[in-house]
């Protein structure tokens, strides 16, 4: 993500619009360039950036929008592309969660000017660490390749395979190239990706079916027929008015019963560092703040069994009976 922003010549004095409901990496990449993140509240249903709010935050300094596909559900790219074209902004997609997702029949990775995937250990395909940039822009691709390896005009492999020993360094670059061993691990997983996605989808569908009777007490992940979820995460949202305990206490109760859960995400404005340098407060993001207090990520990974999904659902059902108002 840092390489993409550098390749797009985003730097000091520029502004980049994005969401507060994301991993810190999204914000860090903007700050690395010297630009300022401008955070927009989320859609309370999808948890993605609320595209309807973006235009009033665009200024002369705004250079790009970074959309983040939370849990694997695509953002509202029709509106995002319209805004980007109208205001002459770069549209970058943080697709760390959405490899394998589709937006209105188009695969994620083919929609924005540049898309960034993550291959961290928990992702739908993993190389242990690392990621990938995809773009239709040859100039941006060339710039990303250059910056990823010290700004060198020729890699060691090219020189070894007949390109000659000479090269130039024409930019201040980084050591961001993926090791070949990690890439090999990713290629091995890529050959199994369709099957892994089918398993994730079948697990998610089982969750949806078994948790539907609890919809008076919790909100299930958003989905519709226009797009396809990648099911990186399965996030439920509690209706706190119907519970006698908080989200945090419910997570503790689940853990006591052997169900490990998480929260995605702690909003950026709640971290002391970002609160200090961005000068932002929770009251500026009412939808994000509400979602943060309600969300729980249930276990979801390809080796999860249907029996384990059923156990999670049965445990949730029992706790709902115990703690509902």
Protein backbone atom coordinates (compact mmCIF):
# COMPACT_ATOMS: atom_id res chain seq x y z
CA UNK A 1 0.00 0.00 0.00
CA UNK A 2 2.91 2.33 0.79
CA UNK A 3 4.46 1.54 -2.60
CA UNK A 4 1.23 2.34 -4.43
CA UNK A 5 0.89 5.72 -2.72
CA UNK A 6 4.53 6.52 -3.45
CA UNK A 7 4.06 5.38 -7.04
CA UNK A 8 1.09 7.76 -7.34
CA UNK A 9 3.37 10.63 -6.16
CA UNK A 10 1.36 11.21 -2.99
CA UNK A 11 3.41 13.06 -0.38
CA UNK A 12 3.72 15.89 2.10
CA UNK A 13 0.83 18.34 2.01
CA UNK A 14 -1.56 15.87 0.34
CA UNK A 15 -4.66 14.31 1.88
CA UNK A 16 -5.95 10.76 1.48
CA UNK A 17 -9.52 9.82 2.41
CA UNK A 18 -10.13 6.48 4.11
CA UNK A 19 -12.00 4.74 6.93
CA UNK A 20 -11.29 4.63 10.70
CA UNK A 21 -12.61 1.05 10.82
CA UNK A 22 -9.49 -0.71 9.56
CA UNK A 23 -6.15 -2.15 10.58
CA UNK A 24 -3.50 0.44 11.46
CA UNK A 25 -1.54 -0.51 8.33
CA UNK A 26 -3.98 1.42 6.13
CA UNK A 27 -3.31 4.63 8.04
CA UNK A 28 0.41 3.99 8.47
CA UNK A 29 0.93 3.71 4.72
CA UNK A 30 -0.55 7.20 4.27
CA UNK A 31 1.57 8.67 7.05
CA UNK A 32 4.75 7.09 5.64
CA UNK A 33 4.36 9.29 2.56
CA UNK A 34 3.95 12.48 4.62
CA UNK A 35 0.30 12.84 3.58
CA UNK A 36 -2.57 13.33 6.03
CA UNK A 37 -5.31 10.70 6.49
CA UNK A 38 -8.83 12.12 6.38
CA UNK A 39 -11.18 9.66 8.08
CA UNK A 40 -14.81 9.18 7.02
CA UNK A 41 -17.46 7.41 9.08
CA UNK A 42 -18.71 3.99 8.01
CA UNK A 43 -21.92 2.52 6.67
CA UNK A 44 -23.47 0.93 9.81
CA UNK A 45 -24.77 -2.05 7.83
CA UNK A 46 -21.76 -3.08 5.71
CA UNK A 47 -19.03 -1.60 7.99
CA UNK A 48 -17.31 -0.21 4.86
CA UNK A 49 -16.56 3.47 4.26
CA UNK A 50 -19.76 5.47 3.76
CA UNK A 51 -19.31 6.74 0.22
CA UNK A 52 -22.27 9.12 0.60
CA UNK A 53 -20.23 11.20 3.09
CA UNK A 54 -17.02 11.49 1.10
CA UNK A 55 -17.60 14.48 -1.18
CA UNK A 56 -18.02 17.04 1.60
CA UNK A 57 -14.55 16.11 2.92
CA UNK A 58 -12.75 16.59 -0.40
CA UNK A 59 -10.45 19.62 -0.53
CA UNK A 60 -7.82 21.02 -2.89
CA UNK A 61 -5.31 18.86 -1.03
CA UNK A 62 -7.19 15.58 -1.53
CA UNK A 63 -5.33 13.23 -3.87
CA UNK A 64 -6.76 9.75 -3.29
CA UNK A 65 -9.39 7.55 -1.68
CA UNK A 66 -8.42 4.25 -0.06
CA UNK A 67 -11.43 1.93 0.20
CA UNK A 68 -11.19 -1.04 2.58
CA UNK A 69 -13.35 -4.14 2.00
CA UNK A 70 -14.14 -5.12 5.59
CA UNK A 71 -14.45 -8.88 6.25
CA UNK A 72 -14.44 -9.51 2.49
CA UNK A 73 -17.54 -7.56 1.43
CA UNK A 74 -16.78 -5.09 -1.42
CA UNK A 75 -17.27 -1.36 -0.93
CA UNK A 76 -19.71 0.71 -3.00
CA UNK A 77 -17.40 0.98 -6.01
CA UNK A 78 -19.94 2.48 -8.38
CA UNK A 79 -20.18 5.58 -6.21
CA UNK A 80 -16.50 5.56 -5.30
CA UNK A 81 -15.45 5.49 -8.96
CA UNK A 82 -17.95 8.24 -9.78
CA UNK A 83 -16.48 10.45 -7.05
CA UNK A 84 -12.89 9.67 -8.06
CA UNK A 85 -13.56 10.50 -11.71
CA UNK A 86 -15.55 13.65 -10.92
CA UNK A 87 -12.93 15.02 -8.52
CA UNK A 88 -9.87 13.65 -10.37
CA UNK A 89 -8.74 11.47 -7.46
CA UNK A 90 -6.85 8.18 -7.39
CA UNK A 91 -8.97 5.24 -6.18
CA UNK A 92 -6.97 2.61 -4.31
CA UNK A 93 -8.50 -0.56 -2.89
CA UNK A 94 -7.20 -2.13 0.31
CA UNK A 95 -8.38 -5.67 -0.43
CA UNK A 96 -6.57 -7.36 2.44
CA UNK A 97 -9.83 -9.18 3.26
CA UNK A 98 -11.44 -9.55 -0.16
CA UNK A 99 -9.33 -11.83 -2.34
CA UNK A 100 -11.92 -14.01 -4.10
CA UNK A 101 -14.77 -11.52 -3.73
CA UNK A 102 -16.76 -10.08 -6.67
CA UNK A 103 -18.44 -6.72 -7.10
CA UNK A 104 -21.37 -6.85 -9.53
CA UNK A 105 -19.77 -9.72 -11.41
CA UNK A 106 -16.27 -8.22 -11.50
CA UNK A 107 -13.49 -9.83 -9.48
CA UNK A 108 -11.87 -7.70 -6.80
CA UNK A 109 -8.58 -6.55 -8.26
CA UNK A 110 -10.11 -5.39 -11.54
CA UNK A 111 -12.10 -2.37 -10.32
CA UNK A 112 -9.89 0.29 -8.70
CA UNK A 113 -6.87 2.05 -10.20
CA UNK A 114 -4.73 -0.11 -7.93
CA UNK A 115 -5.64 -2.94 -5.56
CA UNK A 116 -3.52 -4.25 -2.71
CA UNK A 117 -3.87 -7.79 -1.34
CA UNK A 118 -2.45 -9.16 1.91
CA UNK A 119 -0.97 -12.64 2.29
CA UNK A 120 -0.54 -12.48 6.06
CA UNK A 121 -0.91 -15.78 7.93
CA UNK A 122 -4.65 -15.38 8.57
CA UNK A 123 -5.65 -14.42 5.03
CA UNK A 124 -7.52 -16.50 2.43
CA UNK A 125 -4.15 -17.18 0.76
CA UNK A 126 -1.03 -16.86 2.90
CA UNK A 127 2.69 -16.58 2.18
CA UNK A 128 3.37 -16.07 5.90
CA UNK A 129 3.94 -12.36 5.28
CA UNK A 130 3.80 -10.15 2.23
CA UNK A 131 1.27 -8.96 -0.28
CA UNK A 132 0.62 -8.01 -3.90
CA UNK A 133 -0.25 -4.95 -5.95
CA UNK A 134 -2.40 -5.28 -9.07
CA UNK A 135 -3.06 -2.46 -11.53
CA UNK A 136 -3.85 -1.86 -15.20
CA UNK A 137 -1.39 1.06 -15.23
CA UNK A 138 1.97 0.02 -16.70
CA UNK A 139 3.64 3.17 -15.40
CA UNK A 140 2.40 2.54 -11.85
CA UNK A 141 3.41 -1.13 -12.02
CA UNK A 142 6.91 -0.18 -13.22
CA UNK A 143 7.24 2.40 -10.44
CA UNK A 144 6.11 -0.08 -7.76
CA UNK A 145 8.61 -2.70 -9.01
CA UNK A 146 11.39 -0.11 -8.98
CA UNK A 147 10.62 1.19 -5.49
CA UNK A 148 10.20 -2.33 -4.07
CA UNK A 149 13.90 -3.13 -4.61
CA UNK A 150 16.02 -0.14 -3.61
CA UNK A 151 15.13 1.86 -6.73
CA UNK A 152 17.40 -0.44 -8.78
CA UNK A 153 16.77 -0.49 -12.52
CA UNK A 154 17.75 -4.17 -12.76
CA UNK A 155 17.23 -6.99 -10.28
CA UNK A 156 19.84 -9.59 -9.38
CA UNK A 157 17.93 -12.23 -11.34
CA UNK A 158 17.84 -10.10 -14.49
CA UNK A 159 21.57 -9.47 -14.24
CA UNK A 160 22.30 -13.15 -13.65
CA UNK A 161 20.11 -14.24 -16.58
CA UNK A 162 21.91 -12.17 -19.18
CA UNK A 163 21.02 -8.57 -18.49
CA UNK A 164 24.60 -7.51 -17.73
CA UNK A 165 26.07 -6.44 -14.44
CA UNK A 166 25.38 -2.72 -14.69
CA UNK A 167 22.34 -1.03 -13.17
CA UNK A 168 21.28 2.39 -11.95
CA UNK A 169 19.51 3.56 -8.79
CA UNK A 170 17.29 6.42 -9.88
CA UNK A 171 15.05 6.76 -6.83
CA UNK A 172 15.04 6.29 -3.07
CA UNK A 173 13.61 2.77 -2.81
CA UNK A 174 12.82 0.17 -0.18
CA UNK A 175 13.44 -3.52 0.54
CA UNK A 176 9.85 -4.60 -0.06
CA UNK A 177 10.28 -7.58 -2.40
CA UNK A 178 8.70 -10.91 -1.45
CA UNK A 179 11.19 -13.76 -0.85
CA UNK A 180 10.96 -16.59 -3.39
CA UNK A 181 10.24 -19.16 -0.66
CA UNK A 182 7.23 -17.15 0.49
CA UNK A 183 6.04 -16.77 -3.11
CA UNK A 184 6.35 -20.53 -3.59
CA UNK A 185 4.12 -21.11 -0.58
CA UNK A 186 1.57 -18.71 -2.05
CA UNK A 187 1.63 -20.40 -5.47
CA UNK A 188 0.98 -23.73 -3.79
CA UNK A 189 -2.06 -22.28 -2.03
CA UNK A 190 -3.24 -20.58 -5.22
CA UNK A 191 -3.71 -23.99 -6.84
CA UNK A 192 -6.12 -24.87 -3.98
CA UNK A 193 -7.77 -21.45 -3.74
CA UNK A 194 -11.12 -22.36 -5.32
CA UNK A 195 -11.57 -25.27 -2.93
CA UNK A 196 -10.54 -23.15 0.06
CA UNK A 197 -13.09 -20.50 -0.93
CA UNK A 198 -15.83 -23.09 -1.36
CA UNK A 199 -15.12 -24.33 2.17
CA UNK A 200 -15.21 -20.80 3.61
CA UNK A 201 -18.52 -20.16 1.83
CA UNK A 202 -20.09 -23.38 3.05
CA UNK A 203 -19.01 -22.63 6.64
CA UNK A 204 -20.45 -19.10 6.39
CA UNK A 205 -23.71 -20.44 4.98
CA UNK A 206 -23.98 -22.88 7.89
CA UNK A 207 -23.45 -20.01 10.35
CA UNK A 208 -26.11 -17.95 8.58
CA UNK A 209 -28.63 -20.81 8.63
CA UNK A 210 -28.10 -21.72 12.29
CA UNK A 211 -27.92 -18.14 13.60
CA UNK A 212 -30.95 -16.85 11.70
CA UNK A 213 -33.29 -17.68 14.62
CA UNK A 214 -31.23 -15.29 16.80
CA UNK A 215 -31.67 -12.25 14.53
CA UNK A 216 -33.74 -10.46 17.20
CA UNK A 217 -30.54 -10.36 19.28
CA UNK A 218 -27.75 -10.10 16.74
CA UNK A 219 -27.26 -8.81 13.20
CA UNK A 220 -25.75 -11.20 10.65
CA UNK A 221 -23.21 -10.12 8.00
CA UNK A 222 -24.60 -8.05 5.14
CA UNK A 223 -24.92 -9.74 1.75
CA UNK A 224 -26.98 -9.28 -1.40
CA UNK A 225 -27.24 -10.81 -4.86
CA UNK A 226 -25.17 -8.13 -6.63
CA UNK A 227 -21.81 -9.10 -5.17
CA UNK A 228 -19.98 -12.07 -3.70
CA UNK A 229 -18.41 -12.16 -0.23
CA UNK A 230 -14.91 -13.62 0.20
CA UNK A 231 -15.74 -14.65 3.79
CA UNK A 232 -12.39 -13.73 5.24
CA UNK A 233 -14.22 -12.89 8.47
CA UNK A 234 -17.67 -13.69 9.84
CA UNK A 235 -18.69 -10.61 11.83
CA UNK A 236 -21.91 -10.44 13.82
CA UNK A 237 -23.25 -7.27 15.50
CA UNK A 238 -25.09 -7.51 18.81
CA UNK A 239 -28.31 -5.61 19.42
CA UNK A 240 -27.13 -4.36 22.82
CA UNK A 241 -30.64 -3.19 23.76
CA UNK A 242 -31.67 -6.86 23.89
CA UNK A 243 -28.76 -8.09 26.06
CA UNK A 244 -28.11 -7.83 29.79
CA UNK A 245 -24.33 -8.04 29.27
CA UNK A 246 -21.84 -6.11 27.14
CA UNK A 247 -20.10 -7.34 24.02
CA UNK A 248 -16.85 -7.78 25.98
CA UNK A 249 -18.53 -9.91 28.64
CA UNK A 250 -20.17 -12.05 25.96
CA UNK A 251 -16.77 -12.68 24.37
CA UNK A 252 -15.50 -13.76 27.80
CA UNK A 253 -18.46 -16.14 28.17
CA UNK A 254 -17.77 -17.61 24.72
CA UNK A 255 -14.11 -18.12 25.61
CA UNK A 256 -15.08 -19.89 28.83
CA UNK A 257 -16.98 -22.32 26.61
CA UNK A 258 -13.99 -22.88 24.30
CA UNK A 259 -15.02 -20.48 21.53
CA UNK A 260 -12.23 -18.04 20.69
CA UNK A 261 -13.48 -14.80 19.14
CA UNK A 262 -11.99 -11.46 18.17
CA UNK A 263 -13.03 -7.88 17.38
CA UNK A 264 -12.48 -6.32 13.96
CA UNK A 265 -11.58 -3.56 14.36
CA UNK A 266 -10.57 -1.30 17.19
CA UNK A 267 -11.13 2.04 15.40
CA UNK A 268 -8.03 4.06 14.56
CA UNK A 269 -9.13 7.02 16.69
CA UNK A 270 -9.05 4.87 19.84
CA UNK A 271 -5.28 4.33 19.66
CA UNK A 272 -3.27 6.88 21.63
CA UNK A 273 -0.76 7.55 18.84
CA UNK A 274 -3.33 8.26 16.15
CA UNK A 275 -5.56 10.20 18.53
CA UNK A 276 -2.63 12.48 19.27
CA UNK A 277 -1.31 13.09 15.76
CA UNK A 278 -4.65 13.14 13.90
CA UNK A 279 -6.50 15.08 16.61
CA UNK A 280 -9.68 13.03 16.27
CA UNK A 281 -12.34 11.96 18.76
CA UNK A 282 -14.89 9.10 18.86
CA UNK A 283 -17.83 11.53 18.69
CA UNK A 284 -16.79 12.40 15.11
CA UNK A 285 -17.60 8.82 14.02
CA UNK A 286 -20.94 7.77 15.58
CA UNK A 287 -21.58 4.81 13.25
CA UNK A 288 -18.04 3.48 13.64
CA UNK A 289 -18.17 3.90 17.41
CA UNK A 290 -21.51 2.09 17.62
CA UNK A 291 -20.26 -0.77 15.45
CA UNK A 292 -17.08 -1.16 17.50
CA UNK A 293 -19.08 -1.73 20.68
CA UNK A 294 -21.25 -4.38 18.99
CA UNK A 295 -19.06 -6.47 16.64
CA UNK A 296 -17.73 -9.96 17.28
CA UNK A 297 -15.74 -12.01 14.76
CA UNK A 298 -16.67 -15.67 15.07
CA UNK A 299 -14.18 -18.43 14.16
CA UNK A 300 -13.87 -18.91 10.38
CA UNK A 301 -11.07 -20.75 8.60
CA UNK A 302 -10.98 -23.59 6.04
CA UNK A 303 -10.05 -26.31 8.56
CA UNK A 304 -13.03 -25.44 10.76
CA UNK A 305 -15.48 -28.35 10.82
CA UNK A 306 -19.25 -28.19 10.49
CA UNK A 307 -19.46 -29.77 13.94
CA UNK A 308 -17.40 -26.90 15.37
CA UNK A 309 -19.62 -24.32 13.63
CA UNK A 310 -22.65 -26.04 15.15
CA UNK A 311 -20.99 -25.90 18.58
CA UNK A 312 -20.33 -22.16 18.22
CA UNK A 313 -23.97 -21.59 17.22
CA UNK A 314 -25.31 -23.78 20.03
CA UNK A 315 -23.13 -21.92 22.54
CA UNK A 316 -24.38 -18.56 21.25
CA UNK A 317 -27.96 -19.80 21.46
CA UNK A 318 -27.47 -20.92 25.08
CA UNK A 319 -25.85 -17.61 26.05
CA UNK A 320 -28.64 -15.70 24.33
CA UNK A 321 -31.22 -17.54 26.43
CA UNK A 322 -29.21 -16.82 29.55
CA UNK A 323 -28.45 -13.12 29.01
CA UNK A 324 -31.25 -11.76 26.86
CA UNK A 325 -33.54 -9.10 28.28
